[in-house]
Amino acid sequence: MCGSQWDNNACCPDGQVFQEKICGNLAPGNDLAVWDAAEGGVDDYLQGTFEVFNAGDHNIQVTIRDASNQIIVGVYDVPPQTTVTKSANKPAKLVVTVPETNKLGSKYCITLYKRVI
C-alpha cells in the first residue's frame, strides 16, 4: 500500500515466496502423520510437492490433507520400488500407511512454498 505513510516514498515491500524442503525415512505403521504443519503452528503454505519412494514389496498408501484435516489429494498408492510425486495447494499434513512387511528404506521428501510479506 504505497502512499499510506506520511512520506509518499514509503512503500511496503513486495511479498517473497520461500521454499522449504523436508525429507525423512518411513517406518512401517498405519496412518502415520509424517508431516503435520499444524503441530508446528504453521498452516499457511501456498503449495507443496510430495515425493514418496517405496523400497518395500507392498504398496504404501498416501493421503495429503489441509489445515482442517480435509483430504485434498485422495488416498493413492505408491507401488513397490517406485517413486510417486503429487502436488497440492494449501497442504498441512502428509499421512502414510506403510505395511509392516515392508523393509526399511522407504523415504519421503516434501517441498513447500510459503509467501511472506
C-alpha atoms as a PDB file:
ATOM      1  CA  MET A   1       0.000   0.000   0.000  1.00  0.00           C
ATOM      2  CA  CYS A   2       2.081   2.881  -1.226  1.00  0.00           C
ATOM      3  CA  GLY A   3       1.307   6.384  -0.096  1.00  0.00           C
ATOM      4  CA  SER A   4      -0.305   5.333   3.175  1.00  0.00           C
ATOM      5  CA  GLN A   5       2.613   6.664   5.184  1.00  0.00           C
ATOM      6  CA  TRP A   6       3.371  10.350   5.812  1.00  0.00           C
ATOM      7  CA  ASP A   7       6.160  10.057   3.251  1.00  0.00           C
ATOM      8  CA  ASN A   8       4.857   9.265  -0.239  1.00  0.00           C
ATOM      9  CA  ASN A   9       8.022   7.307  -0.956  1.00  0.00           C
ATOM     10  CA  ALA A  10       7.394   4.822   1.889  1.00  0.00           C
ATOM     11  CA  CYS A  11       6.008   1.641   0.348  1.00  0.00           C
ATOM     12  CA  CYS A  12       5.506  -1.798   1.780  1.00  0.00           C
ATOM     13  CA  PRO A  13       7.853  -4.326   0.211  1.00  0.00           C
ATOM     14  CA  ASP A  14       6.533  -6.963  -2.160  1.00  0.00           C
ATOM     15  CA  GLY A  15       5.896 -10.390  -0.696  1.00  0.00           C
ATOM     16  CA  GLN A  16       8.519 -13.090  -1.187  1.00  0.00           C
ATOM     17  CA  VAL A  17       7.989 -16.793  -1.744  1.00  0.00           C
ATOM     18  CA  PHE A  18      10.149 -19.034   0.432  1.00  0.00           C
ATOM     19  CA  GLN A  19      10.885 -22.673  -0.279  1.00  0.00           C
ATOM     20  CA  GLU A  20      11.347 -25.248   2.460  1.00  0.00           C
ATOM     21  CA  LYS A  21      12.403 -28.875   1.928  1.00  0.00           C
ATOM     22  CA  ILE A  22      11.768 -31.669   4.428  1.00  0.00           C
ATOM     23  CA  CYS A  23      12.925 -35.263   3.888  1.00  0.00           C
ATOM     24  CA  GLY A  24      12.864 -38.346   6.053  1.00  0.00           C
ATOM     25  CA  ASN A  25      12.615 -42.116   6.313  1.00  0.00           C
ATOM     26  CA  LEU A  26       9.309 -44.004   6.503  1.00  0.00           C
ATOM     27  CA  ALA A  27       8.811 -46.709   9.116  1.00  0.00           C
ATOM     28  CA  PRO A  28       6.099 -49.379   8.965  1.00  0.00           C
ATOM     29  CA  GLY A  29       2.785 -48.366  10.545  1.00  0.00           C
ATOM     30  CA  ASN A  30      -0.809 -47.369   9.834  1.00  0.00           C
ATOM     31  CA  ASP A  31      -1.963 -43.780   9.204  1.00  0.00           C
ATOM     32  CA  LEU A  32       1.273 -42.132  10.317  1.00  0.00           C
ATOM     33  CA  ALA A  33       1.314 -38.338  10.032  1.00  0.00           C
ATOM     34  CA  VAL A  34       4.914 -37.979   8.870  1.00  0.00           C
ATOM     35  CA  TRP A  35       4.473 -34.213   8.436  1.00  0.00           C
ATOM     36  CA  ASP A  36       1.898 -32.025  10.185  1.00  0.00           C
ATOM     37  CA  ALA A  37       2.215 -28.253   9.796  1.00  0.00           C
ATOM     38  CA  ALA A  38      -0.479 -27.585  12.405  1.00  0.00           C
ATOM     39  CA  GLU A  39       1.683 -29.228  15.105  1.00  0.00           C
ATOM     40  CA  GLY A  40       4.300 -26.553  14.461  1.00  0.00           C
ATOM     41  CA  GLY A  41       1.662 -23.806  14.495  1.00  0.00           C
ATOM     42  CA  VAL A  42       2.050 -23.137  10.768  1.00  0.00           C
ATOM     43  CA  ASP A  43      -0.729 -23.799   8.281  1.00  0.00           C
ATOM     44  CA  ASP A  44      -0.165 -21.146   5.648  1.00  0.00           C
ATOM     45  CA  TYR A  45       1.767 -22.968   2.951  1.00  0.00           C
ATOM     46  CA  LEU A  46       0.603 -21.983  -0.537  1.00  0.00           C
ATOM     47  CA  GLN A  47       1.656 -25.159  -2.281  1.00  0.00           C
ATOM     48  CA  GLY A  48       3.572 -28.342  -1.683  1.00  0.00           C
ATOM     49  CA  THR A  49       5.115 -31.133  -3.715  1.00  0.00           C
ATOM     50  CA  PHE A  50       5.150 -34.533  -2.030  1.00  0.00           C
ATOM     51  CA  GLU A  51       7.503 -37.280  -3.200  1.00  0.00           C
ATOM     52  CA  VAL A  52       7.329 -40.797  -1.718  1.00  0.00           C
ATOM     53  CA  PHE A  53       9.740 -43.633  -2.573  1.00  0.00           C
ATOM     54  CA  ASN A  54       8.664 -47.185  -1.720  1.00  0.00           C
ATOM     55  CA  ALA A  55      11.624 -49.512  -1.103  1.00  0.00           C
ATOM     56  CA  GLY A  56       9.380 -52.359   0.046  1.00  0.00           C
ATOM     57  CA  ASP A  57       7.457 -55.212  -1.548  1.00  0.00           C
ATOM     58  CA  HIS A  58       3.913 -53.904  -0.932  1.00  0.00           C
ATOM     59  CA  ASN A  59       2.079 -50.657  -1.777  1.00  0.00           C
ATOM     60  CA  ILE A  60       2.380 -47.637   0.507  1.00  0.00           C
ATOM     61  CA  GLN A  61      -0.812 -45.582   0.808  1.00  0.00           C
ATOM     62  CA  VAL A  62      -0.507 -41.795   0.930  1.00  0.00           C
ATOM     63  CA  THR A  63      -3.007 -39.006   1.740  1.00  0.00           C
ATOM     64  CA  ILE A  64      -2.467 -35.227   1.738  1.00  0.00           C
ATOM     65  CA  ARG A  65      -4.755 -33.132   3.967  1.00  0.00           C
ATOM     66  CA  ASP A  66      -5.403 -29.424   4.543  1.00  0.00           C
ATOM     67  CA  ALA A  67      -5.411 -27.475   7.834  1.00  0.00           C
ATOM     68  CA  SER A  68      -8.993 -28.546   8.638  1.00  0.00           C
ATOM     69  CA  ASN A  69      -7.954 -32.207   8.132  1.00  0.00           C
ATOM     70  CA  GLN A  70      -9.936 -32.486   4.878  1.00  0.00           C
ATOM     71  CA  ILE A  71      -8.418 -34.675   2.173  1.00  0.00           C
ATOM     72  CA  ILE A  72      -7.083 -32.544  -0.676  1.00  0.00           C
ATOM     73  CA  VAL A  73      -5.253 -35.324  -2.521  1.00  0.00           C
ATOM     74  CA  GLY A  74      -7.113 -38.591  -2.002  1.00  0.00           C
ATOM     75  CA  VAL A  75      -5.572 -41.858  -0.972  1.00  0.00           C
ATOM     76  CA  TYR A  76      -3.123 -43.010  -3.629  1.00  0.00           C
ATOM     77  CA  ASP A  77      -0.757 -45.951  -3.794  1.00  0.00           C
ATOM     78  CA  VAL A  78       2.993 -45.933  -4.246  1.00  0.00           C
ATOM     79  CA  PRO A  79       3.860 -49.315  -5.796  1.00  0.00           C
ATOM     80  CA  PRO A  80       6.952 -51.250  -4.716  1.00  0.00           C
ATOM     81  CA  GLN A  81      10.305 -49.972  -5.952  1.00  0.00           C
ATOM     82  CA  THR A  82       8.832 -46.741  -7.372  1.00  0.00           C
ATOM     83  CA  THR A  83       8.552 -43.051  -6.561  1.00  0.00           C
ATOM     84  CA  VAL A  84       5.294 -41.107  -6.869  1.00  0.00           C
ATOM     85  CA  THR A  85       5.152 -37.306  -6.764  1.00  0.00           C
ATOM     86  CA  LYS A  86       1.981 -35.254  -6.191  1.00  0.00           C
ATOM     87  CA  SER A  87       1.366 -31.528  -5.751  1.00  0.00           C
ATOM     88  CA  ALA A  88      -1.296 -29.871  -3.615  1.00  0.00           C
ATOM     89  CA  ASN A  89      -2.477 -26.357  -2.825  1.00  0.00           C
ATOM     90  CA  LYS A  90      -2.715 -25.318   0.847  1.00  0.00           C
ATOM     91  CA  PRO A  91      -1.262 -28.573   2.275  1.00  0.00           C
ATOM     92  CA  ALA A  92      -0.973 -29.128   6.013  1.00  0.00           C
ATOM     93  CA  LYS A  93      -0.476 -32.857   6.604  1.00  0.00           C
ATOM     94  CA  LEU A  94       1.082 -35.889   4.916  1.00  0.00           C
ATOM     95  CA  VAL A  95      -0.296 -39.232   6.125  1.00  0.00           C
ATOM     96  CA  VAL A  96       1.162 -42.588   5.053  1.00  0.00           C
ATOM     97  CA  THR A  97       0.424 -46.241   5.687  1.00  0.00           C
ATOM     98  CA  VAL A  98       3.454 -48.477   5.293  1.00  0.00           C
ATOM     99  CA  PRO A  99       2.772 -52.226   5.583  1.00  0.00           C
ATOM    100  CA  GLU A 100       4.522 -53.968   8.466  1.00  0.00           C
ATOM    101  CA  THR A 101       6.072 -56.372   5.954  1.00  0.00           C
ATOM    102  CA  ASN A 102       7.859 -53.597   4.029  1.00  0.00           C
ATOM    103  CA  LYS A 103      11.560 -53.446   4.678  1.00  0.00           C
ATOM    104  CA  LEU A 104      13.158 -50.205   5.744  1.00  0.00           C
ATOM    105  CA  GLY A 105      14.470 -47.783   3.160  1.00  0.00           C
ATOM    106  CA  SER A 106      11.271 -46.044   2.046  1.00  0.00           C
ATOM    107  CA  LYS A 107      11.574 -42.256   2.090  1.00  0.00           C
ATOM    108  CA  TYR A 108       9.647 -39.038   1.595  1.00  0.00           C
ATOM    109  CA  CYS A 109      10.578 -35.527   0.516  1.00  0.00           C
ATOM    110  CA  ILE A 110       8.311 -32.505   0.744  1.00  0.00           C
ATOM    111  CA  THR A 111       8.963 -29.181  -0.959  1.00  0.00           C
ATOM    112  CA  LEU A 112       6.809 -26.395   0.495  1.00  0.00           C
ATOM    113  CA  TYR A 113       6.190 -22.868  -0.728  1.00  0.00           C
ATOM    114  CA  LYS A 114       5.122 -20.031   1.559  1.00  0.00           C
ATOM    115  CA  ARG A 115       4.546 -16.370   0.771  1.00  0.00           C
ATOM    116  CA  VAL A 116       5.846 -13.929   3.375  1.00  0.00           C
ATOM    117  CA  ILE A 117       5.123 -10.195   3.296  1.00  0.00           C
END
